[in-house]
Amino acid sequence: MKKLLIAASTIGILAVLSACSQQTKDKASETVEAAKTDIAANTSQVAKEAESAAQSAAETTKNAVQAAADTTSEVAKEVGARADAATNPNSAESQVPEEQKY
């Protein structure tokens, strides 16, 4: 009888441990799945933010290059006008009195 009671107790304890173990495995599996979902969502968000930052940087660079090109064009026109005035004594600019220039 004692052996039967010990065997039944042992089987009961093993069943409880097995159930606990299964619950632990299930919880661990759920945790892993939740972590995978979070990582996927965060990775997607980081990728979107990186793409947005890259587009912003490209737009800023484009605007800076355009501004530099515009400034260079204006300076080139100014230099060209001064060169014309210096080489052509009959230009309108050369006929303006010196104190009225610029």
C-alpha atoms as a PDB file:
ATOM      1  CA  MET A   1       0.000   0.000   0.000  1.00  0.00           C
ATOM      2  CA  LYS A   2       2.834   2.362   0.868  1.00  0.00           C
ATOM      3  CA  LYS A   3       4.500   1.617  -2.453  1.00  0.00           C
ATOM      4  CA  LEU A   4       1.260   2.364  -4.276  1.00  0.00           C
ATOM      5  CA  LEU A   5       0.874   5.627  -2.364  1.00  0.00           C
ATOM      6  CA  ILE A   6       4.487   6.597  -3.115  1.00  0.00           C
ATOM      7  CA  ALA A   7       4.052   5.680  -6.785  1.00  0.00           C
ATOM      8  CA  ALA A   8       0.806   7.662  -7.026  1.00  0.00           C
ATOM      9  CA  SER A   9       2.430  10.637  -5.276  1.00  0.00           C
ATOM     10  CA  THR A  10       5.413  10.458  -7.602  1.00  0.00           C
ATOM     11  CA  ILE A  11       3.155  10.300 -10.659  1.00  0.00           C
ATOM     12  CA  GLY A  12       1.148  13.224  -9.307  1.00  0.00           C
ATOM     13  CA  ILE A  13       4.281  15.292  -8.689  1.00  0.00           C
ATOM     14  CA  LEU A  14       5.611  14.455 -12.156  1.00  0.00           C
ATOM     15  CA  ALA A  15       2.254  15.435 -13.674  1.00  0.00           C
ATOM     16  CA  VAL A  16       2.323  18.781 -11.822  1.00  0.00           C
ATOM     17  CA  LEU A  17       5.929  19.396 -12.857  1.00  0.00           C
ATOM     18  CA  SER A  18       5.088  18.440 -16.416  1.00  0.00           C
ATOM     19  CA  ALA A  19       2.141  20.822 -16.425  1.00  0.00           C
ATOM     20  CA  CYS A  20       4.290  23.611 -14.968  1.00  0.00           C
ATOM     21  CA  SER A  21       6.931  22.859 -17.512  1.00  0.00           C
ATOM     22  CA  GLN A  22       4.371  23.018 -20.325  1.00  0.00           C
ATOM     23  CA  GLN A  23       3.034  26.328 -19.008  1.00  0.00           C
ATOM     24  CA  THR A  24       6.574  27.653 -18.830  1.00  0.00           C
ATOM     25  CA  LYS A  25       7.233  26.529 -22.392  1.00  0.00           C
ATOM     26  CA  ASP A  26       3.971  28.106 -23.550  1.00  0.00           C
ATOM     27  CA  LYS A  27       4.768  31.410 -21.808  1.00  0.00           C
ATOM     28  CA  ALA A  28       8.282  31.385 -23.192  1.00  0.00           C
ATOM     29  CA  SER A  29       6.930  30.742 -26.668  1.00  0.00           C
ATOM     30  CA  GLU A  30       4.428  33.587 -26.304  1.00  0.00           C
ATOM     31  CA  THR A  31       7.196  35.889 -25.093  1.00  0.00           C
ATOM     32  CA  VAL A  32       9.378  34.999 -28.060  1.00  0.00           C
ATOM     33  CA  GLU A  33       6.521  35.624 -30.490  1.00  0.00           C
ATOM     34  CA  ALA A  34       5.745  38.977 -28.862  1.00  0.00           C
ATOM     35  CA  ALA A  35       9.418  39.932 -29.048  1.00  0.00           C
ATOM     36  CA  LYS A  36       9.546  38.987 -32.738  1.00  0.00           C
ATOM     37  CA  THR A  37       6.466  41.104 -33.419  1.00  0.00           C
ATOM     38  CA  ASP A  38       7.939  44.061 -31.525  1.00  0.00           C
ATOM     39  CA  ILE A  39      11.271  43.754 -33.296  1.00  0.00           C
ATOM     40  CA  ALA A  40       9.577  43.587 -36.697  1.00  0.00           C
ATOM     41  CA  ALA A  41       7.464  46.666 -35.919  1.00  0.00           C
ATOM     42  CA  ASN A  42      10.446  48.599 -34.559  1.00  0.00           C
ATOM     43  CA  THR A  43      12.623  47.631 -37.502  1.00  0.00           C
ATOM     44  CA  SER A  44       9.948  48.814 -39.904  1.00  0.00           C
ATOM     45  CA  GLN A  45       9.589  52.112 -38.033  1.00  0.00           C
ATOM     46  CA  VAL A  46      13.361  52.677 -37.975  1.00  0.00           C
ATOM     47  CA  ALA A  47      13.539  51.942 -41.706  1.00  0.00           C
ATOM     48  CA  LYS A  48      10.759  54.474 -42.409  1.00  0.00           C
ATOM     49  CA  GLU A  49      12.493  57.108 -40.278  1.00  0.00           C
ATOM     50  CA  ALA A  50      15.831  56.438 -41.979  1.00  0.00           C
ATOM     51  CA  GLU A  51      14.216  56.763 -45.396  1.00  0.00           C
ATOM     52  CA  SER A  52      12.569  60.024 -44.362  1.00  0.00           C
ATOM     53  CA  ALA A  53      15.867  61.370 -43.034  1.00  0.00           C
ATOM     54  CA  ALA A  54      17.632  60.394 -46.259  1.00  0.00           C
ATOM     55  CA  GLN A  55      14.965  62.127 -48.346  1.00  0.00           C
ATOM     56  CA  SER A  56      15.237  65.222 -46.171  1.00  0.00           C
ATOM     57  CA  ALA A  57      19.013  65.254 -46.518  1.00  0.00           C
ATOM     58  CA  ALA A  58      18.719  64.826 -50.278  1.00  0.00           C
ATOM     59  CA  GLU A  59      16.227  67.699 -50.499  1.00  0.00           C
ATOM     60  CA  THR A  60      18.451  69.926 -48.339  1.00  0.00           C
ATOM     61  CA  THR A  61      21.462  69.094 -50.497  1.00  0.00           C
ATOM     62  CA  LYS A  62      19.488  69.762 -53.664  1.00  0.00           C
ATOM     63  CA  ASN A  63      18.370  73.143 -52.324  1.00  0.00           C
ATOM     64  CA  ALA A  64      21.911  74.054 -51.261  1.00  0.00           C
ATOM     65  CA  VAL A  65      23.303  73.106 -54.670  1.00  0.00           C
ATOM     66  CA  GLN A  66      20.580  75.121 -56.411  1.00  0.00           C
ATOM     67  CA  ALA A  67      21.278  78.153 -54.191  1.00  0.00           C
ATOM     68  CA  ALA A  68      25.002  77.864 -54.896  1.00  0.00           C
ATOM     69  CA  ALA A  69      24.315  77.599 -58.630  1.00  0.00           C
ATOM     70  CA  ASP A  70      22.055  80.657 -58.525  1.00  0.00           C
ATOM     71  CA  THR A  71      24.661  82.651 -56.595  1.00  0.00           C
ATOM     72  CA  THR A  72      27.403  81.548 -58.967  1.00  0.00           C
ATOM     73  CA  SER A  73      25.264  82.565 -61.927  1.00  0.00           C
ATOM     74  CA  GLU A  74      24.626  85.999 -60.435  1.00  0.00           C
ATOM     75  CA  VAL A  75      28.328  86.468 -59.683  1.00  0.00           C
ATOM     76  CA  ALA A  76      29.215  85.374 -63.215  1.00  0.00           C
ATOM     77  CA  LYS A  77      26.771  87.921 -64.640  1.00  0.00           C
ATOM     78  CA  GLU A  78      28.249  90.634 -62.426  1.00  0.00           C
ATOM     79  CA  VAL A  79      31.799  89.719 -63.445  1.00  0.00           C
ATOM     80  CA  GLY A  80      30.746  89.639 -67.094  1.00  0.00           C
ATOM     81  CA  ALA A  81      29.121  93.062 -66.811  1.00  0.00           C
ATOM     82  CA  ARG A  82      32.218  94.517 -65.163  1.00  0.00           C
ATOM     83  CA  ALA A  83      34.464  92.955 -67.771  1.00  0.00           C
ATOM     84  CA  ASP A  84      32.288  94.417 -70.539  1.00  0.00           C
ATOM     85  CA  ALA A  85      32.362  97.812 -68.875  1.00  0.00           C
ATOM     86  CA  ALA A  86      36.130  97.681 -68.547  1.00  0.00           C
ATOM     87  CA  THR A  87      36.695  96.617 -72.134  1.00  0.00           C
ATOM     88  CA  ASN A  88      33.949  98.679 -73.773  1.00  0.00           C
ATOM     89  CA  PRO A  89      34.330 102.364 -72.994  1.00  0.00           C
ATOM     90  CA  ASN A  90      30.974 103.188 -74.612  1.00  0.00           C
ATOM     91  CA  SER A  91      28.871 100.903 -72.360  1.00  0.00           C
ATOM     92  CA  ALA A  92      26.078 102.401 -70.282  1.00  0.00           C
ATOM     93  CA  GLU A  93      27.867 101.565 -67.056  1.00  0.00           C
ATOM     94  CA  SER A  94      31.075 103.251 -68.149  1.00  0.00           C
ATOM     95  CA  GLN A  95      29.181 106.453 -68.870  1.00  0.00           C
ATOM     96  CA  VAL A  96      27.706 106.726 -65.366  1.00  0.00           C
ATOM     97  CA  PRO A  97      29.648 109.121 -63.157  1.00  0.00           C
ATOM     98  CA  GLU A  98      31.943 107.259 -60.721  1.00  0.00           C
ATOM     99  CA  GLU A  99      30.153 108.571 -57.599  1.00  0.00           C
ATOM    100  CA  GLN A 100      26.826 107.141 -58.824  1.00  0.00           C
ATOM    101  CA  LYS A 101      28.139 103.614 -59.437  1.00  0.00           C
ATOM    102  CA  TYR A 102      27.224 100.800 -57.032  1.00  0.00           C
END
